[in-house]
């Protein structure tokens, strides 16, 4: 019964996730992106789609077939795990960090135009490819889905555990940078001075901006709290946070 509910819920969420992200990609692609923020929003849909697709086309089928771990093709499992669990996950976190940088720069330096956003996105995806190759090239150093535990985990080798530590520290580092900038941005929105308009208009704009900012950040804070909670429970289940229910929070934040 539990397995059926798990498969159906994963199928439902993954289909919605893929459809929403493909839709957002198309909407952002057609827009005149001008500054950097919409470019980052466009780029963010790519790792989101990869993560959701990993569940739709890999996790759901092998779980529905009730395969045990030894009967899951290792090469495909490692490839999906590295691309979705390492590459896309890191790319999403780094893009999130640059979105925070962009928001902060707009508030503190409104005349600055983030013209290099395209180069930043290229750099981010190059970095994510390095993370993918870290688990693909060495033997037994990958990240896999285990249908027996319904968890993403590193392979049972020292190399794979080291790769897990690397990605965890990367995620936490981007979290610290992103949310430090978010705090600075929030303080500016709350206490920054605006010249040339009435006090009532100042308060109206400030309230609207703070509500919008809080909505955008809600997804990221929920995701991060889950990461820390999982990491405290056990090192090997930390990638349970990779289950993309939090990804929908990110999607709603972008919308």
Protein backbone atom coordinates (compact mmCIF):
# COMPACT_ATOMS: atom_id res chain seq x y z
CA UNK A 1 0.00 0.00 0.00
CA UNK A 2 2.76 2.42 0.98
CA UNK A 3 4.69 1.64 -2.20
CA UNK A 4 1.64 2.34 -4.36
CA UNK A 5 1.07 5.69 -2.64
CA UNK A 6 4.76 6.54 -3.05
CA UNK A 7 4.76 5.72 -6.77
CA UNK A 8 1.53 7.61 -7.45
CA UNK A 9 2.68 10.66 -5.50
CA UNK A 10 6.05 10.69 -7.27
CA UNK A 11 4.31 10.31 -10.63
CA UNK A 12 1.88 13.13 -9.87
CA UNK A 13 4.50 15.57 -8.58
CA UNK A 14 7.06 14.76 -11.28
CA UNK A 15 4.56 15.28 -14.10
CA UNK A 16 3.46 18.61 -12.61
CA UNK A 17 7.08 19.63 -12.03
CA UNK A 18 8.15 18.86 -15.59
CA UNK A 19 5.12 20.59 -17.12
CA UNK A 20 5.46 23.73 -15.00
CA UNK A 21 9.19 24.06 -15.61
CA UNK A 22 8.88 23.48 -19.37
CA UNK A 23 6.11 26.09 -19.44
CA UNK A 24 8.24 28.57 -17.46
CA UNK A 25 11.25 27.90 -19.66
CA UNK A 26 9.21 28.74 -22.75
CA UNK A 27 7.71 31.87 -21.15
CA UNK A 28 11.10 33.19 -20.01
CA UNK A 29 12.72 32.24 -23.32
CA UNK A 30 10.26 34.38 -25.28
CA UNK A 31 10.65 37.40 -22.98
CA UNK A 32 13.12 40.23 -23.46
CA UNK A 33 15.26 39.33 -20.47
CA UNK A 34 17.21 42.59 -20.38
CA UNK A 35 18.89 42.39 -16.98
CA UNK A 36 20.13 39.28 -15.30
CA UNK A 37 17.24 38.15 -13.12
CA UNK A 38 15.00 36.72 -15.86
CA UNK A 39 18.05 35.06 -17.41
CA UNK A 40 18.70 33.33 -14.10
CA UNK A 41 15.01 32.37 -13.84
CA UNK A 42 15.24 30.83 -17.31
CA UNK A 43 18.40 28.93 -16.36
CA UNK A 44 16.88 27.76 -13.07
CA UNK A 45 14.12 25.89 -14.91
CA UNK A 46 16.74 23.62 -16.53
CA UNK A 47 18.05 21.89 -13.35
CA UNK A 48 14.49 21.83 -11.97
CA UNK A 49 13.32 19.99 -15.09
CA UNK A 50 16.24 17.56 -14.91
CA UNK A 51 15.48 16.70 -11.28
CA UNK A 52 11.77 16.19 -11.93
CA UNK A 53 12.52 14.14 -15.05
CA UNK A 54 14.85 11.88 -13.06
CA UNK A 55 11.91 10.91 -10.90
CA UNK A 56 9.42 10.65 -13.75
CA UNK A 57 11.55 8.53 -16.07
CA UNK A 58 13.74 6.65 -13.59
CA UNK A 59 12.55 6.53 -9.98
CA UNK A 60 8.88 5.92 -10.76
CA UNK A 61 9.44 3.04 -13.25
CA UNK A 62 12.01 1.08 -11.24
CA UNK A 63 10.01 1.53 -8.03
CA UNK A 64 6.77 0.50 -9.74
CA UNK A 65 8.51 -2.64 -11.04
CA UNK A 66 9.61 -3.48 -7.45
CA UNK A 67 13.22 -4.01 -8.53
CA UNK A 68 15.83 -4.58 -5.86
CA UNK A 69 19.08 -2.63 -5.99
CA UNK A 70 21.22 -5.38 -7.55
CA UNK A 71 18.87 -5.65 -10.53
CA UNK A 72 18.99 -1.94 -11.34
CA UNK A 73 21.49 -1.22 -14.18
CA UNK A 74 24.38 0.44 -12.39
CA UNK A 75 25.67 2.60 -15.25
CA UNK A 76 22.27 4.14 -15.93
CA UNK A 77 21.63 4.55 -12.21
CA UNK A 78 24.94 6.34 -11.69
CA UNK A 79 24.43 8.51 -14.77
CA UNK A 80 20.98 9.64 -13.65
CA UNK A 81 22.19 10.15 -10.10
CA UNK A 82 25.20 12.21 -11.16
CA UNK A 83 23.31 14.36 -13.67
CA UNK A 84 20.26 14.99 -11.49
CA UNK A 85 21.62 14.54 -7.98
CA UNK A 86 25.00 16.21 -8.39
CA UNK A 87 25.03 18.35 -11.53
CA UNK A 88 21.48 19.72 -11.52
CA UNK A 89 21.39 20.06 -7.74
CA UNK A 90 24.60 22.11 -7.63
CA UNK A 91 23.58 24.17 -10.67
CA UNK A 92 20.29 25.06 -9.00
CA UNK A 93 22.01 26.13 -5.78
CA UNK A 94 24.62 28.27 -7.57
CA UNK A 95 22.00 29.92 -9.80
CA UNK A 96 19.98 30.64 -6.65
CA UNK A 97 23.06 32.35 -5.22
CA UNK A 98 23.46 34.54 -8.30
CA UNK A 99 19.76 35.41 -8.16
CA UNK A 100 20.38 36.64 -4.60
CA UNK A 101 23.38 38.65 -5.85
CA UNK A 102 21.20 40.13 -8.59
CA UNK A 103 18.41 41.11 -6.18
CA UNK A 104 20.89 42.70 -3.82
CA UNK A 105 22.59 44.66 -6.61
CA UNK A 106 19.22 45.96 -7.86
CA UNK A 107 18.37 47.27 -4.40
CA UNK A 108 21.74 48.80 -3.55
CA UNK A 109 23.00 49.69 -7.05
CA UNK A 110 19.86 50.23 -9.19
CA UNK A 111 21.87 51.77 -12.02
CA UNK A 112 24.00 48.64 -12.40
CA UNK A 113 22.94 46.31 -15.22
CA UNK A 114 23.78 42.62 -14.83
CA UNK A 115 24.94 42.30 -18.44
CA UNK A 116 27.12 39.26 -17.87
CA UNK A 117 24.28 36.96 -16.80
CA UNK A 118 24.66 34.74 -19.87
CA UNK A 119 28.35 34.18 -19.11
CA UNK A 120 27.51 33.45 -15.48
CA UNK A 121 24.97 30.82 -16.54
CA UNK A 122 27.53 29.19 -18.87
CA UNK A 123 30.04 29.15 -16.00
CA UNK A 124 27.46 27.57 -13.66
CA UNK A 125 26.68 24.74 -16.07
CA UNK A 126 30.40 24.12 -16.65
CA UNK A 127 30.88 23.78 -12.89
CA UNK A 128 27.91 21.42 -12.69
CA UNK A 129 29.48 19.26 -15.41
CA UNK A 130 32.61 18.94 -13.28
CA UNK A 131 30.47 17.61 -10.43
CA UNK A 132 28.83 15.14 -12.81
CA UNK A 133 32.21 13.85 -14.02
CA UNK A 134 33.52 13.51 -10.46
CA UNK A 135 31.23 10.53 -9.98
CA UNK A 136 31.21 9.15 -13.51
CA UNK A 137 34.92 8.81 -14.22
CA UNK A 138 36.22 7.05 -11.06
CA UNK A 139 35.05 3.46 -10.50
CA UNK A 140 32.28 2.99 -7.90
CA UNK A 141 32.25 6.66 -7.01
CA UNK A 142 28.73 7.55 -8.07
CA UNK A 143 25.43 8.65 -6.66
CA UNK A 144 22.52 6.22 -7.08
CA UNK A 145 18.88 5.63 -6.30
CA UNK A 146 18.24 2.62 -4.05
CA UNK A 147 14.70 1.26 -4.64
CA UNK A 148 14.97 -0.90 -1.53
CA UNK A 149 15.21 2.14 0.75
CA UNK A 150 13.57 4.65 -1.64
CA UNK A 151 16.55 6.96 -1.10
CA UNK A 152 19.23 8.58 -3.21
CA UNK A 153 22.61 7.71 -1.72
CA UNK A 154 26.31 7.49 -2.61
CA UNK A 155 27.73 4.11 -3.51
CA UNK A 156 29.29 2.27 -0.58
CA UNK A 157 32.88 3.35 -1.19
CA UNK A 158 35.17 5.94 0.39
CA UNK A 159 35.33 7.78 -2.92
CA UNK A 160 31.54 8.13 -3.13
CA UNK A 161 31.30 9.31 0.48
CA UNK A 162 33.96 11.93 -0.27
CA UNK A 163 31.92 13.12 -3.27
CA UNK A 164 28.90 13.42 -1.00
CA UNK A 165 30.88 15.59 1.42
CA UNK A 166 32.05 17.83 -1.43
CA UNK A 167 28.54 18.47 -2.68
CA UNK A 168 27.21 19.05 0.83
CA UNK A 169 29.83 21.68 1.57
CA UNK A 170 29.11 23.28 -1.80
CA UNK A 171 25.39 23.46 -1.06
CA UNK A 172 25.95 24.87 2.43
CA UNK A 173 28.44 27.45 1.12
CA UNK A 174 25.97 28.71 -1.48
CA UNK A 175 23.28 28.78 1.20
CA UNK A 176 25.37 31.01 3.46
CA UNK A 177 26.18 33.44 0.64
CA UNK A 178 22.61 33.49 -0.72
CA UNK A 179 20.89 34.07 2.57
CA UNK A 180 23.43 36.61 3.82
CA UNK A 181 22.65 38.65 0.71
CA UNK A 182 18.94 38.02 1.19
CA UNK A 183 19.16 39.39 4.73
CA UNK A 184 20.97 42.50 3.49
CA UNK A 185 18.32 42.95 0.80
CA UNK A 186 15.52 42.49 3.33
CA UNK A 187 17.00 45.13 5.65
CA UNK A 188 17.21 47.58 2.77
CA UNK A 189 13.58 46.92 1.83
CA UNK A 190 12.50 47.48 5.44
CA UNK A 191 14.56 50.51 6.36
CA UNK A 192 15.82 52.05 3.11
CA UNK A 193 14.91 55.65 2.34
CA UNK A 194 13.00 56.70 -0.76
CA UNK A 195 12.92 60.31 -1.95
CA UNK A 196 10.22 62.21 -3.86
CA UNK A 197 7.04 60.30 -2.93
CA UNK A 198 4.51 60.48 -0.09
CA UNK A 199 4.86 58.51 3.14
CA UNK A 200 1.74 56.46 2.36
CA UNK A 201 3.15 55.49 -1.04
CA UNK A 202 6.48 54.62 0.57
CA UNK A 203 4.72 52.30 3.04
CA UNK A 204 2.58 50.74 0.31
CA UNK A 205 5.60 49.98 -1.88
CA UNK A 206 7.63 48.73 1.05
CA UNK A 207 4.88 46.36 2.17
CA UNK A 208 4.41 45.03 -1.36
CA UNK A 209 8.14 44.47 -1.87
CA UNK A 210 8.60 42.75 1.49
CA UNK A 211 5.65 40.42 0.84
CA UNK A 212 7.00 39.59 -2.61
CA UNK A 213 10.50 39.03 -1.23
CA UNK A 214 9.19 36.81 1.59
CA UNK A 215 7.20 34.72 -0.90
CA UNK A 216 10.28 34.21 -3.07
CA UNK A 217 12.50 33.20 -0.16
CA UNK A 218 10.01 30.89 1.54
CA UNK A 219 10.87 28.02 -0.79
CA UNK A 220 14.62 28.30 -0.26
CA UNK A 221 14.38 28.42 3.54
CA UNK A 222 12.12 25.34 3.63
CA UNK A 223 14.54 23.44 1.40
CA UNK A 224 17.55 24.41 3.50
CA UNK A 225 15.90 23.48 6.79
CA UNK A 226 15.13 20.04 5.35
CA UNK A 227 18.75 19.65 4.23
CA UNK A 228 20.08 20.40 7.72
CA UNK A 229 17.44 18.21 9.36
CA UNK A 230 18.27 15.24 7.13
CA UNK A 231 22.01 15.74 7.58
CA UNK A 232 21.63 15.74 11.37
CA UNK A 233 19.67 12.49 11.28
CA UNK A 234 22.11 10.48 9.18
CA UNK A 235 24.79 11.25 6.67
CA UNK A 236 23.54 8.73 4.16
CA UNK A 237 19.96 9.97 4.01
CA UNK A 238 20.84 13.58 3.44
CA UNK A 239 19.88 13.23 -0.19
CA UNK A 240 16.37 12.40 0.85
CA UNK A 241 16.08 16.18 0.57
CA UNK A 242 16.70 15.73 -3.13
CA UNK A 243 13.15 14.33 -3.33
CA UNK A 244 11.65 17.17 -5.19
CA UNK A 245 8.63 18.12 -3.12
CA UNK A 246 10.78 21.12 -2.11
CA UNK A 247 11.41 21.74 -5.79
CA UNK A 248 7.78 22.76 -6.16
CA UNK A 249 8.42 25.43 -3.55
CA UNK A 250 11.24 26.73 -5.70
CA UNK A 251 8.98 26.70 -8.74
CA UNK A 252 6.29 28.69 -6.94
CA UNK A 253 8.95 31.13 -5.77
CA UNK A 254 10.00 31.76 -9.37
CA UNK A 255 6.38 32.19 -10.52
